[in-house]
Protein backbone atom coordinates (compact mmCIF):
# COMPACT_ATOMS: atom_id res chain seq x y z
CA SER A 1 39.18 -70.48 -60.26
CA ASP A 2 41.69 -67.53 -60.17
CA GLU A 3 41.09 -67.15 -56.37
CA GLN A 4 42.03 -70.77 -55.96
CA PHE A 5 45.08 -70.72 -58.35
CA ASP A 6 46.44 -67.46 -56.69
CA GLN A 7 46.69 -69.00 -53.46
CA LEU A 8 49.73 -70.81 -54.86
CA LEU A 9 51.55 -67.53 -55.43
CA PRO A 10 53.71 -65.54 -53.08
CA VAL A 11 51.90 -62.66 -51.10
CA ARG A 12 52.94 -59.78 -53.52
CA PRO A 13 52.17 -61.58 -56.81
CA ARG A 14 48.84 -62.73 -55.43
CA ILE A 15 47.86 -59.12 -54.60
CA ARG A 16 48.74 -57.85 -58.04
CA SER A 17 47.41 -60.91 -59.82
CA ALA A 18 44.22 -59.17 -61.25
CA SER A 19 46.26 -56.53 -63.01
CA TYR A 20 49.39 -58.34 -63.90
CA TRP A 21 48.82 -62.01 -64.69
CA SER A 22 46.61 -63.83 -67.24
CA SER A 23 43.42 -65.26 -65.67
CA VAL A 24 42.92 -69.01 -65.79
CA GLU A 25 40.32 -68.67 -68.55
CA VAL A 26 42.60 -66.57 -70.70
CA ALA A 27 45.53 -68.92 -70.24
CA GLN A 28 43.50 -71.97 -70.93
CA THR A 29 41.82 -70.37 -73.96
CA ALA A 30 45.16 -69.13 -75.38
CA SER A 31 46.83 -72.40 -74.92
CA ARG A 32 43.91 -74.23 -76.71
CA TRP A 33 43.96 -71.89 -79.75
CA LEU A 34 47.72 -72.06 -80.14
CA THR A 35 47.64 -76.02 -79.85
CA GLU A 36 45.00 -75.99 -82.43
CA ALA A 37 47.19 -73.83 -84.57
CA GLY A 38 50.03 -76.31 -84.46
CA ALA A 39 52.32 -74.50 -82.21
CA GLN A 40 55.04 -76.68 -80.57
CA ARG A 41 57.39 -74.27 -78.94
CA LEU A 42 55.74 -71.39 -77.14
CA LEU A 43 57.31 -68.29 -75.52
CA ASP A 44 55.42 -66.00 -73.01
CA VAL A 45 57.00 -62.55 -73.34
CA GLY A 46 57.03 -60.91 -69.76
CA SER A 47 56.16 -64.23 -68.03
CA GLY A 48 56.14 -62.64 -64.62
CA VAL A 49 55.22 -65.07 -61.88
CA GLY A 50 54.69 -67.84 -64.30
CA LYS A 51 50.80 -68.34 -64.05
CA PHE A 52 50.47 -68.33 -67.82
CA CYS A 53 53.36 -70.59 -68.47
CA SER A 54 52.23 -73.26 -66.04
CA ILE A 55 48.72 -73.26 -66.95
CA ALA A 56 49.59 -73.43 -70.71
CA SER A 57 51.93 -76.20 -70.16
CA LEU A 58 49.50 -78.30 -68.20
CA SER A 59 46.80 -77.54 -70.68
CA SER A 60 48.77 -78.64 -73.71
CA SER A 61 51.06 -81.27 -72.16
CA ARG A 62 54.07 -79.36 -73.67
CA ARG A 63 56.91 -77.38 -72.45
CA VAL A 64 56.44 -73.68 -72.34
CA TRP A 65 59.05 -71.02 -72.12
CA GLY A 66 58.98 -67.65 -70.45
CA VAL A 67 61.24 -64.67 -70.42
CA GLU A 68 61.18 -62.52 -67.18
CA LEU A 69 63.34 -59.54 -66.19
CA ARG A 70 62.70 -59.56 -62.58
CA PRO A 71 64.86 -62.43 -60.78
CA ASP A 72 62.38 -62.88 -57.77
CA LEU A 73 59.49 -63.46 -60.31
CA ALA A 74 61.47 -65.86 -62.41
CA LEU A 75 62.36 -67.84 -59.35
CA ALA A 76 58.70 -67.82 -58.11
CA SER A 77 57.63 -68.97 -61.66
CA ARG A 78 60.11 -72.09 -61.34
CA GLN A 79 58.76 -72.79 -57.90
CA LEU A 80 55.26 -72.67 -59.25
CA ALA A 81 55.89 -74.86 -62.04
CA GLN A 82 57.53 -77.48 -59.91
CA ARG A 83 54.83 -77.47 -57.42
CA LEU A 84 52.25 -77.98 -60.28
CA GLY A 85 54.28 -80.51 -62.22
CA ALA A 86 54.33 -78.20 -65.14
CA GLU A 87 56.92 -78.43 -67.74
CA VAL A 88 58.15 -74.77 -67.79
CA VAL A 89 61.54 -73.09 -68.72
CA ILE A 90 61.95 -69.51 -67.41
CA LEU A 91 64.60 -67.37 -69.25
CA ASP A 92 66.06 -64.65 -67.09
CA GLY A 93 66.79 -61.20 -68.54
CA THR A 94 65.94 -58.97 -71.44
CA LEU A 95 64.48 -59.65 -74.88
CA GLU A 96 68.08 -59.05 -76.25
CA ARG A 97 68.82 -62.48 -75.04
CA ILE A 98 66.13 -64.34 -76.87
CA ASP A 99 66.64 -66.27 -80.15
CA PRO A 100 63.12 -65.93 -81.53
CA SER A 101 63.88 -68.69 -84.22
CA ARG A 102 63.58 -71.20 -81.49
CA PHE A 103 60.02 -70.65 -81.06
CA ASP A 104 56.86 -71.07 -83.39
CA ALA A 105 54.50 -69.32 -81.14
CA PHE A 106 54.47 -66.30 -78.84
CA TYR A 107 52.11 -65.08 -76.11
CA PHE A 108 51.77 -61.24 -75.36
CA PHE A 109 49.81 -59.73 -72.34
CA ASN A 110 50.45 -56.29 -73.15
CA PRO A 111 53.96 -56.81 -71.93
CA PHE A 112 55.42 -53.35 -72.44
CA ALA A 113 52.73 -51.23 -70.85
CA GLU A 114 54.64 -50.88 -67.61
CA HIS A 115 57.17 -48.93 -69.34
CA LEU A 116 54.66 -46.11 -69.68
CA ALA A 117 52.60 -46.54 -66.43
CA GLU A 118 52.13 -44.14 -63.57
CA THR A 119 54.02 -44.96 -60.54
CA HIS A 120 50.83 -46.42 -58.69
CA GLU A 121 50.16 -48.57 -61.61
CA ARG A 122 53.63 -50.35 -61.88
CA TYR A 123 54.29 -53.61 -60.29
CA ASP A 124 57.19 -51.98 -58.21
CA GLU A 125 59.57 -49.22 -58.71
CA ARG A 126 62.74 -51.23 -59.21
CA PHE A 127 62.67 -50.63 -63.09
CA PRO A 128 61.63 -46.97 -63.63
CA ALA A 129 59.26 -46.03 -66.44
CA SER A 130 60.89 -45.22 -69.69
CA VAL A 131 59.63 -44.37 -73.18
CA ASP A 132 63.04 -45.45 -74.65
CA GLY A 133 62.61 -48.66 -72.90
CA PHE A 134 59.11 -49.11 -74.39
CA ILE A 135 60.40 -48.27 -77.86
CA ASN A 136 63.49 -50.72 -77.59
CA ASP A 137 61.30 -53.59 -76.55
CA VAL A 138 58.51 -53.02 -79.09
CA ARG A 139 60.99 -52.66 -81.97
CA ILE A 140 62.76 -56.01 -80.89
CA VAL A 141 59.29 -57.82 -81.09
CA GLU A 142 58.37 -56.06 -84.27
CA ARG A 143 61.59 -57.41 -85.80
CA TRP A 144 60.66 -60.92 -84.56
CA LEU A 145 57.26 -60.70 -86.15
CA ARG A 146 58.84 -59.44 -89.52
CA ALA A 147 61.30 -62.41 -89.59
CA ALA A 148 59.04 -65.17 -88.37
CA PRO A 149 58.36 -67.93 -90.89
CA ILE A 150 54.90 -68.28 -92.30
CA GLY A 151 52.74 -70.26 -89.98
CA THR A 152 54.09 -68.91 -86.83
CA ALA A 153 51.28 -68.10 -84.32
CA MET A 154 50.81 -65.70 -81.50
CA VAL A 155 48.25 -64.68 -79.13
CA SER A 156 47.73 -61.08 -77.84
CA TYR A 157 45.69 -60.13 -74.87
CA ASN A 158 44.81 -56.52 -74.13
CA GLY A 159 46.95 -55.47 -77.08
CA LEU A 160 50.58 -56.25 -78.09
CA GLY A 161 51.49 -52.65 -77.78
CA GLY A 162 53.47 -52.53 -81.03
CA ARG A 163 52.87 -52.73 -84.69
CA ILE A 164 51.93 -56.06 -86.28
CA PRO A 165 52.85 -56.42 -89.90
CA LEU A 166 50.21 -56.86 -92.48
CA SER A 167 51.48 -60.57 -93.12
CA TRP A 168 49.73 -61.54 -89.64
CA VAL A 169 46.05 -62.39 -89.78
CA VAL A 170 43.60 -62.59 -86.98
CA GLU A 171 42.25 -66.19 -86.91
CA ARG A 172 40.22 -66.06 -83.93
CA SER A 173 39.13 -63.46 -81.35
CA GLU A 174 37.19 -63.37 -78.10
CA LEU A 175 36.28 -60.74 -75.48
CA VAL A 176 37.54 -62.13 -72.13
CA ASN A 177 37.13 -60.33 -68.97
CA GLY A 178 36.77 -57.15 -70.76
CA ASP A 179 39.63 -57.30 -72.89
CA HIS A 180 40.42 -58.67 -76.45
CA LEU A 181 42.08 -62.05 -76.75
CA ARG A 182 43.29 -62.48 -80.38
CA LEU A 183 45.05 -65.50 -82.21
CA TRP A 184 47.17 -64.27 -84.93
CA VAL A 185 48.95 -66.38 -87.54
CA LYS A 186 51.54 -65.25 -90.16
CA ARG A 187 50.14 -66.05 -93.62
CA GLY A 188 52.30 -64.36 -96.13
CA VAL A 189 55.54 -62.42 -96.87
CA ASP A 190 56.12 -58.91 -95.42
CA ASP A 191 55.90 -56.90 -98.67
CA SER A 192 54.28 -53.82 -97.07
CA SER A 193 55.89 -51.12 -94.61
CA ASP A 194 52.46 -50.61 -92.96
CA ALA A 195 51.35 -52.45 -89.88
CA ILE A 196 48.29 -52.94 -87.61
CA ILE A 197 48.11 -51.48 -84.14
CA GLU A 198 45.59 -52.95 -81.64
CA VAL A 199 43.38 -50.18 -79.93
CA ASN A 200 40.83 -51.99 -77.83
CA GLU A 201 38.33 -53.49 -80.10
CA TYR A 202 39.79 -51.75 -83.29
CA LEU A 203 42.58 -53.11 -85.61
CA LEU A 204 43.93 -49.70 -87.00
CA PRO A 205 46.59 -49.17 -89.74
CA ALA A 206 49.65 -47.62 -88.21
CA SER A 207 49.97 -45.30 -91.07
CA ARG A 208 46.44 -43.80 -90.36
CA LEU A 209 47.50 -43.21 -86.67
CA ALA A 210 50.70 -41.56 -87.71
């Protein structure tokens, strides 16, 4: 259960777990979907305390990567993985440091929402809310998705936060703990400037929202 798993976390990450880290059910389901989609090298964007990475690694018997901005959470991630015997690699820093071509699968638990959150909703105040930061991170990931080879997979939970090219197709979808978990696979070339934006249960054309 999440209650049992979260006892492995330091105090502050444990307190914020329900809001910030993927549940055990979500992590196991996402890992299973990505494994069935043929994923070999998975990156969790905004991996936090490493809960998803460790569970996904143990569920798939594969190495899982995460990228995390906060040094204390990156350290806690490594300690968690070591304690569980999970094969996890945590990359410190921003998305600019990531070479997306190293990965054939991605996991996004609404990773950019904190850029726009109210103070009381933020994990902490070390990284101030920033619309520019949100736009920068979203655009980086949008470029990743457009450049990804056909067959690349990703799972979004509670929305990616950015535009998903029309070349990506929803293969599976499930409502878990009140939020939408979706498996996307790139099935074609990017021959359209339009894209999809997740808004709760809806998948809306970006042009319509604009």
